[in-house]
Amino acid sequence: MRFLALYLRSRGVPLAVAASAGSVAALWSIDRATDHRGAGALALLAVVAATLAAGPGLAGPDVDLDRTAAIPWPPRRAAHVVAAGAAVVGLVTATWFTGDQLAPAAQVTRDAIGMSGLIALGAVTLGANQAWIPPLSWTLLAWTLMALPWSLPASYRQVLTWMLQPADATPAIVTALVLGAAGVLAYAVLGPAHERP
């Protein structure tokens, strides 16, 4: 149990959870104050903000010390990303207890899976401190694409703007699952960019 406490502290998890909870609470308050006029966008922002807070914790402060661990890193890395995604789902869906939830649990879960995968892929390619770039960039691009007239088939549009689609849109669900699986696998095997020899 001591190892878990030290691991969580070394990865900044308490601070990330506090930042995530604060972001979700602030966006939930805005949603209530605006009488749910931007509920979908605020729910997505809550998922994105909570996920981004986990990014810096995807690498430890001492690379050499991490390499000396007796327990293999891949299972721990995979568990870290999965737990971060689950925490995001838990924080955002906790608004249900107020009787005024931000978004349906299925939509929040889909978005959290995809965003967790993107932030893990960001850590693998750019390093933990820049892991926020892929999820935030894709979200901003999706909002831009939704506002533009275009003639792509609906399934392509749902793939490119997966996080803005209804909870039951199959291409969006598949895209989120693929991103989530790819991110967990890549991060588990390779680790964050600066940790690789």
C-alpha atoms as a PDB file:
ATOM      1  CA  MET A   1       0.000   0.000   0.000  1.00  0.00           C
ATOM      2  CA  ARG A   2       2.934   2.299   0.693  1.00  0.00           C
ATOM      3  CA  PHE A   3       4.136   1.797  -2.890  1.00  0.00           C
ATOM      4  CA  LEU A   4       0.751   2.919  -4.239  1.00  0.00           C
ATOM      5  CA  ALA A   5       0.763   6.067  -2.099  1.00  0.00           C
ATOM      6  CA  LEU A   6       4.302   6.929  -3.203  1.00  0.00           C
ATOM      7  CA  TYR A   7       3.475   6.221  -6.849  1.00  0.00           C
ATOM      8  CA  LEU A   8       0.352   8.410  -6.768  1.00  0.00           C
ATOM      9  CA  ARG A   9       2.217  11.259  -5.112  1.00  0.00           C
ATOM     10  CA  SER A  10       5.197  11.018  -7.484  1.00  0.00           C
ATOM     11  CA  ARG A  11       2.832  11.203 -10.464  1.00  0.00           C
ATOM     12  CA  GLY A  12       0.932  14.206  -9.087  1.00  0.00           C
ATOM     13  CA  VAL A  13      -2.344  12.307  -8.889  1.00  0.00           C
ATOM     14  CA  PRO A  14      -3.800  14.189  -5.872  1.00  0.00           C
ATOM     15  CA  LEU A  15      -3.271  17.520  -7.632  1.00  0.00           C
ATOM     16  CA  ALA A  16      -4.655  16.134 -10.911  1.00  0.00           C
ATOM     17  CA  VAL A  17      -7.789  14.849  -9.156  1.00  0.00           C
ATOM     18  CA  ALA A  18      -8.304  18.189  -7.418  1.00  0.00           C
ATOM     19  CA  ALA A  19      -7.865  20.098 -10.700  1.00  0.00           C
ATOM     20  CA  SER A  20     -10.208  17.706 -12.499  1.00  0.00           C
ATOM     21  CA  ALA A  21     -12.878  17.942  -9.800  1.00  0.00           C
ATOM     22  CA  GLY A  22     -12.609  21.733  -9.775  1.00  0.00           C
ATOM     23  CA  SER A  23     -12.960  21.913 -13.562  1.00  0.00           C
ATOM     24  CA  VAL A  24     -15.979  19.624 -13.600  1.00  0.00           C
ATOM     25  CA  ALA A  25     -17.633  21.544 -10.755  1.00  0.00           C
ATOM     26  CA  ALA A  26     -17.043  24.881 -12.493  1.00  0.00           C
ATOM     27  CA  LEU A  27     -18.456  23.632 -15.811  1.00  0.00           C
ATOM     28  CA  TRP A  28     -21.426  22.030 -14.065  1.00  0.00           C
ATOM     29  CA  SER A  29     -22.121  25.377 -12.339  1.00  0.00           C
ATOM     30  CA  ILE A  30     -21.973  27.180 -15.694  1.00  0.00           C
ATOM     31  CA  ASP A  31     -24.355  24.584 -17.144  1.00  0.00           C
ATOM     32  CA  ARG A  32     -26.858  25.211 -14.349  1.00  0.00           C
ATOM     33  CA  ALA A  33     -26.483  28.994 -14.560  1.00  0.00           C
ATOM     34  CA  THR A  34     -27.129  29.001 -18.318  1.00  0.00           C
ATOM     35  CA  ASP A  35     -30.137  26.681 -18.002  1.00  0.00           C
ATOM     36  CA  HIS A  36     -28.445  23.863 -19.981  1.00  0.00           C
ATOM     37  CA  ARG A  37     -28.100  25.874 -23.173  1.00  0.00           C
ATOM     38  CA  GLY A  38     -24.598  24.522 -23.839  1.00  0.00           C
ATOM     39  CA  ALA A  39     -24.917  21.189 -22.041  1.00  0.00           C
ATOM     40  CA  GLY A  40     -23.241  19.065 -24.738  1.00  0.00           C
ATOM     41  CA  ALA A  41     -20.284  21.401 -25.159  1.00  0.00           C
ATOM     42  CA  LEU A  42     -19.827  21.820 -21.407  1.00  0.00           C
ATOM     43  CA  ALA A  43     -19.920  18.061 -20.845  1.00  0.00           C
ATOM     44  CA  LEU A  44     -17.220  17.582 -23.470  1.00  0.00           C
ATOM     45  CA  LEU A  45     -15.160  20.403 -21.966  1.00  0.00           C
ATOM     46  CA  ALA A  46     -15.479  18.719 -18.561  1.00  0.00           C
ATOM     47  CA  VAL A  47     -14.157  15.447 -19.982  1.00  0.00           C
ATOM     48  CA  VAL A  48     -11.334  17.192 -21.841  1.00  0.00           C
ATOM     49  CA  ALA A  49     -10.320  19.324 -18.827  1.00  0.00           C
ATOM     50  CA  ALA A  50     -10.357  16.338 -16.469  1.00  0.00           C
ATOM     51  CA  THR A  51      -8.319  14.267 -18.926  1.00  0.00           C
ATOM     52  CA  LEU A  52      -5.761  17.008 -19.536  1.00  0.00           C
ATOM     53  CA  ALA A  53      -5.088  17.237 -15.817  1.00  0.00           C
ATOM     54  CA  ALA A  54      -3.838  13.635 -15.900  1.00  0.00           C
ATOM     55  CA  GLY A  55      -1.294  14.274 -18.671  1.00  0.00           C
ATOM     56  CA  PRO A  56       1.736  15.450 -16.659  1.00  0.00           C
ATOM     57  CA  GLY A  57       1.390  12.444 -14.351  1.00  0.00           C
ATOM     58  CA  LEU A  58       2.104  10.051 -17.201  1.00  0.00           C
ATOM     59  CA  ALA A  59       5.816  10.419 -16.459  1.00  0.00           C
ATOM     60  CA  GLY A  60       7.687  10.310 -13.186  1.00  0.00           C
ATOM     61  CA  PRO A  61      10.048  13.008 -11.946  1.00  0.00           C
ATOM     62  CA  ASP A  62      13.090  10.689 -12.026  1.00  0.00           C
ATOM     63  CA  VAL A  63      13.516   8.637 -15.197  1.00  0.00           C
ATOM     64  CA  ASP A  64      16.524   6.690 -13.895  1.00  0.00           C
ATOM     65  CA  LEU A  65      14.724   5.747 -10.698  1.00  0.00           C
ATOM     66  CA  ASP A  66      11.714   4.552 -12.683  1.00  0.00           C
ATOM     67  CA  ARG A  67      13.961   2.274 -14.735  1.00  0.00           C
ATOM     68  CA  THR A  68      15.242   0.508 -11.598  1.00  0.00           C
ATOM     69  CA  ALA A  69      11.792  -0.667 -10.480  1.00  0.00           C
ATOM     70  CA  ALA A  70      11.527  -4.381  -9.749  1.00  0.00           C
ATOM     71  CA  ILE A  71       7.945  -4.600 -11.010  1.00  0.00           C
ATOM     72  CA  PRO A  72       7.562  -4.383 -14.809  1.00  0.00           C
ATOM     73  CA  TRP A  73       6.264  -1.027 -16.028  1.00  0.00           C
ATOM     74  CA  PRO A  74       3.834  -2.042 -18.815  1.00  0.00           C
ATOM     75  CA  PRO A  75       1.050  -3.279 -16.488  1.00  0.00           C
ATOM     76  CA  ARG A  76       1.431  -0.188 -14.279  1.00  0.00           C
ATOM     77  CA  ARG A  77       1.340   2.145 -17.239  1.00  0.00           C
ATOM     78  CA  ALA A  78      -1.770   0.486 -18.660  1.00  0.00           C
ATOM     79  CA  ALA A  79      -3.459   0.581 -15.248  1.00  0.00           C
ATOM     80  CA  HIS A  80      -2.555   4.262 -14.878  1.00  0.00           C
ATOM     81  CA  VAL A  81      -4.269   5.269 -18.144  1.00  0.00           C
ATOM     82  CA  VAL A  82      -7.319   3.075 -17.484  1.00  0.00           C
ATOM     83  CA  ALA A  83      -7.652   4.431 -13.937  1.00  0.00           C
ATOM     84  CA  ALA A  84      -7.327   8.014 -15.186  1.00  0.00           C
ATOM     85  CA  GLY A  85     -10.109   7.406 -17.720  1.00  0.00           C
ATOM     86  CA  ALA A  86     -12.292   5.782 -15.086  1.00  0.00           C
ATOM     87  CA  ALA A  87     -11.711   8.733 -12.751  1.00  0.00           C
ATOM     88  CA  VAL A  88     -12.817  11.130 -15.490  1.00  0.00           C
ATOM     89  CA  VAL A  89     -16.003   9.114 -16.027  1.00  0.00           C
ATOM     90  CA  GLY A  90     -16.612   9.046 -12.277  1.00  0.00           C
ATOM     91  CA  LEU A  91     -16.101  12.776 -11.816  1.00  0.00           C
ATOM     92  CA  VAL A  92     -18.253  13.861 -14.752  1.00  0.00           C
ATOM     93  CA  THR A  93     -21.061  11.373 -14.146  1.00  0.00           C
ATOM     94  CA  ALA A  94     -21.093  12.262 -10.442  1.00  0.00           C
ATOM     95  CA  THR A  95     -23.161  15.270 -11.456  1.00  0.00           C
ATOM     96  CA  TRP A  96     -25.997  12.748 -11.748  1.00  0.00           C
ATOM     97  CA  PHE A  97     -26.267  12.788  -7.940  1.00  0.00           C
ATOM     98  CA  THR A  98     -27.321  16.422  -8.109  1.00  0.00           C
ATOM     99  CA  GLY A  99     -30.293  15.459 -10.285  1.00  0.00           C
ATOM    100  CA  ASP A 100     -28.817  17.651 -13.014  1.00  0.00           C
ATOM    101  CA  GLN A 101     -26.187  15.676 -14.908  1.00  0.00           C
ATOM    102  CA  LEU A 102     -23.978  17.207 -17.573  1.00  0.00           C
ATOM    103  CA  ALA A 103     -24.411  14.408 -20.124  1.00  0.00           C
ATOM    104  CA  PRO A 104     -25.557  10.788 -20.407  1.00  0.00           C
ATOM    105  CA  ALA A 105     -23.111   8.289 -18.906  1.00  0.00           C
ATOM    106  CA  ALA A 106     -22.665   6.505 -22.259  1.00  0.00           C
ATOM    107  CA  GLN A 107     -21.504   9.697 -23.938  1.00  0.00           C
ATOM    108  CA  VAL A 108     -19.177  10.617 -21.081  1.00  0.00           C
ATOM    109  CA  THR A 109     -17.704   7.113 -21.083  1.00  0.00           C
ATOM    110  CA  ARG A 110     -17.117   7.146 -24.845  1.00  0.00           C
ATOM    111  CA  ASP A 111     -15.464  10.560 -24.695  1.00  0.00           C
ATOM    112  CA  ALA A 112     -13.312   9.621 -21.694  1.00  0.00           C
ATOM    113  CA  ILE A 113     -12.087   6.447 -23.416  1.00  0.00           C
ATOM    114  CA  GLY A 114     -11.110   8.331 -26.565  1.00  0.00           C
ATOM    115  CA  MET A 115      -9.545  11.263 -24.723  1.00  0.00           C
ATOM    116  CA  SER A 116      -7.568   8.945 -22.414  1.00  0.00           C
ATOM    117  CA  GLY A 117      -6.206   7.184 -25.465  1.00  0.00           C
ATOM    118  CA  LEU A 118      -5.272  10.485 -27.089  1.00  0.00           C
ATOM    119  CA  ILE A 119      -3.484  11.774 -24.018  1.00  0.00           C
ATOM    120  CA  ALA A 120      -1.589   8.496 -23.700  1.00  0.00           C
ATOM    121  CA  LEU A 121      -0.593   8.729 -27.381  1.00  0.00           C
ATOM    122  CA  GLY A 122       0.470  12.311 -26.714  1.00  0.00           C
ATOM    123  CA  ALA A 123       2.701  11.158 -23.860  1.00  0.00           C
ATOM    124  CA  VAL A 124       4.252   8.487 -26.065  1.00  0.00           C
ATOM    125  CA  THR A 125       4.977  10.824 -28.974  1.00  0.00           C
ATOM    126  CA  LEU A 126       5.497  14.232 -27.350  1.00  0.00           C
ATOM    127  CA  GLY A 127       6.221  13.502 -23.687  1.00  0.00           C
ATOM    128  CA  ALA A 128       3.982  13.831 -20.645  1.00  0.00           C
ATOM    129  CA  ASN A 129       4.233  17.613 -20.412  1.00  0.00           C
ATOM    130  CA  GLN A 130       2.920  18.002 -23.973  1.00  0.00           C
ATOM    131  CA  ALA A 131       0.449  15.098 -23.807  1.00  0.00           C
ATOM    132  CA  TRP A 132      -2.417  17.623 -23.777  1.00  0.00           C
ATOM    133  CA  ILE A 133      -1.793  18.625 -27.399  1.00  0.00           C
ATOM    134  CA  PRO A 134      -3.520  15.718 -29.250  1.00  0.00           C
ATOM    135  CA  PRO A 135      -6.792  15.675 -27.258  1.00  0.00           C
ATOM    136  CA  LEU A 136      -7.173  19.444 -27.218  1.00  0.00           C
ATOM    137  CA  SER A 137      -6.186  19.841 -30.875  1.00  0.00           C
ATOM    138  CA  TRP A 138      -8.594  17.143 -32.063  1.00  0.00           C
ATOM    139  CA  THR A 139     -11.428  18.652 -30.007  1.00  0.00           C
ATOM    140  CA  LEU A 140     -10.854  22.134 -31.430  1.00  0.00           C
ATOM    141  CA  LEU A 141     -10.570  20.709 -34.935  1.00  0.00           C
ATOM    142  CA  ALA A 142     -13.832  18.790 -34.473  1.00  0.00           C
ATOM    143  CA  TRP A 143     -15.662  21.930 -33.351  1.00  0.00           C
ATOM    144  CA  THR A 144     -14.308  23.758 -36.390  1.00  0.00           C
ATOM    145  CA  LEU A 145     -15.347  20.957 -38.743  1.00  0.00           C
ATOM    146  CA  MET A 146     -18.866  20.816 -37.282  1.00  0.00           C
ATOM    147  CA  ALA A 147     -19.304  24.509 -38.077  1.00  0.00           C
ATOM    148  CA  LEU A 148     -18.166  24.185 -41.687  1.00  0.00           C
ATOM    149  CA  PRO A 149     -20.287  22.968 -44.594  1.00  0.00           C
ATOM    150  CA  TRP A 150     -18.732  19.876 -46.136  1.00  0.00           C
ATOM    151  CA  SER A 151     -19.728  17.005 -48.356  1.00  0.00           C
ATOM    152  CA  LEU A 152     -18.023  14.031 -46.714  1.00  0.00           C
ATOM    153  CA  PRO A 153     -20.224  11.000 -46.020  1.00  0.00           C
ATOM    154  CA  ALA A 154     -21.847  10.993 -42.573  1.00  0.00           C
ATOM    155  CA  SER A 155     -19.726   8.098 -41.297  1.00  0.00           C
ATOM    156  CA  TYR A 156     -16.483  10.005 -42.057  1.00  0.00           C
ATOM    157  CA  ARG A 157     -17.864  13.060 -40.349  1.00  0.00           C
ATOM    158  CA  GLN A 158     -18.773  10.975 -37.298  1.00  0.00           C
ATOM    159  CA  VAL A 159     -15.248   9.579 -37.162  1.00  0.00           C
ATOM    160  CA  LEU A 160     -13.571  12.992 -37.406  1.00  0.00           C
ATOM    161  CA  THR A 161     -15.952  14.609 -34.910  1.00  0.00           C
ATOM    162  CA  TRP A 162     -16.488  11.532 -32.734  1.00  0.00           C
ATOM    163  CA  MET A 163     -16.567  13.425 -29.431  1.00  0.00           C
ATOM    164  CA  LEU A 164     -19.403  15.679 -30.641  1.00  0.00           C
ATOM    165  CA  GLN A 165     -21.666  12.885 -31.868  1.00  0.00           C
ATOM    166  CA  PRO A 166     -24.680  11.416 -30.057  1.00  0.00           C
ATOM    167  CA  ALA A 167     -23.911   8.634 -27.608  1.00  0.00           C
ATOM    168  CA  ASP A 168     -25.304   5.932 -29.923  1.00  0.00           C
ATOM    169  CA  ALA A 169     -23.346   6.899 -33.086  1.00  0.00           C
ATOM    170  CA  THR A 170     -21.500   3.683 -33.989  1.00  0.00           C
ATOM    171  CA  PRO A 171     -18.592   5.256 -35.954  1.00  0.00           C
ATOM    172  CA  ALA A 172     -17.944   7.606 -33.023  1.00  0.00           C
ATOM    173  CA  ILE A 173     -17.983   4.723 -30.532  1.00  0.00           C
ATOM    174  CA  VAL A 174     -15.604   2.643 -32.656  1.00  0.00           C
ATOM    175  CA  THR A 175     -13.245   5.614 -33.091  1.00  0.00           C
ATOM    176  CA  ALA A 176     -13.141   6.236 -29.333  1.00  0.00           C
ATOM    177  CA  LEU A 177     -12.512   2.547 -28.606  1.00  0.00           C
ATOM    178  CA  VAL A 178      -9.709   2.353 -31.169  1.00  0.00           C
ATOM    179  CA  LEU A 179      -8.065   5.504 -29.791  1.00  0.00           C
ATOM    180  CA  GLY A 180      -8.420   4.234 -26.237  1.00  0.00           C
ATOM    181  CA  ALA A 181      -6.951   0.811 -27.003  1.00  0.00           C
ATOM    182  CA  ALA A 182      -4.126   2.256 -29.129  1.00  0.00           C
ATOM    183  CA  GLY A 183      -3.231   4.773 -26.433  1.00  0.00           C
ATOM    184  CA  VAL A 184      -3.191   2.254 -23.588  1.00  0.00           C
ATOM    185  CA  LEU A 185      -1.177  -0.265 -25.609  1.00  0.00           C
ATOM    186  CA  ALA A 186       1.361   2.255 -26.930  1.00  0.00           C
ATOM    187  CA  TYR A 187       1.854   3.877 -23.531  1.00  0.00           C
ATOM    188  CA  ALA A 188       2.121   0.526 -21.735  1.00  0.00           C
ATOM    189  CA  VAL A 189       4.749  -0.787 -24.130  1.00  0.00           C
ATOM    190  CA  LEU A 190       6.737   2.362 -24.935  1.00  0.00           C
ATOM    191  CA  GLY A 191       6.156   4.695 -21.994  1.00  0.00           C
ATOM    192  CA  PRO A 192       6.404   8.478 -22.258  1.00  0.00           C
ATOM    193  CA  ALA A 193       8.753   9.877 -24.891  1.00  0.00           C
ATOM    194  CA  HIS A 194      11.494  11.138 -22.571  1.00  0.00           C
ATOM    195  CA  GLU A 195      11.703   7.817 -20.658  1.00  0.00           C
ATOM    196  CA  ARG A 196      12.796   5.808 -23.675  1.00  0.00           C
ATOM    197  CA  PRO A 197      16.548   5.134 -23.842  1.00  0.00           C
END
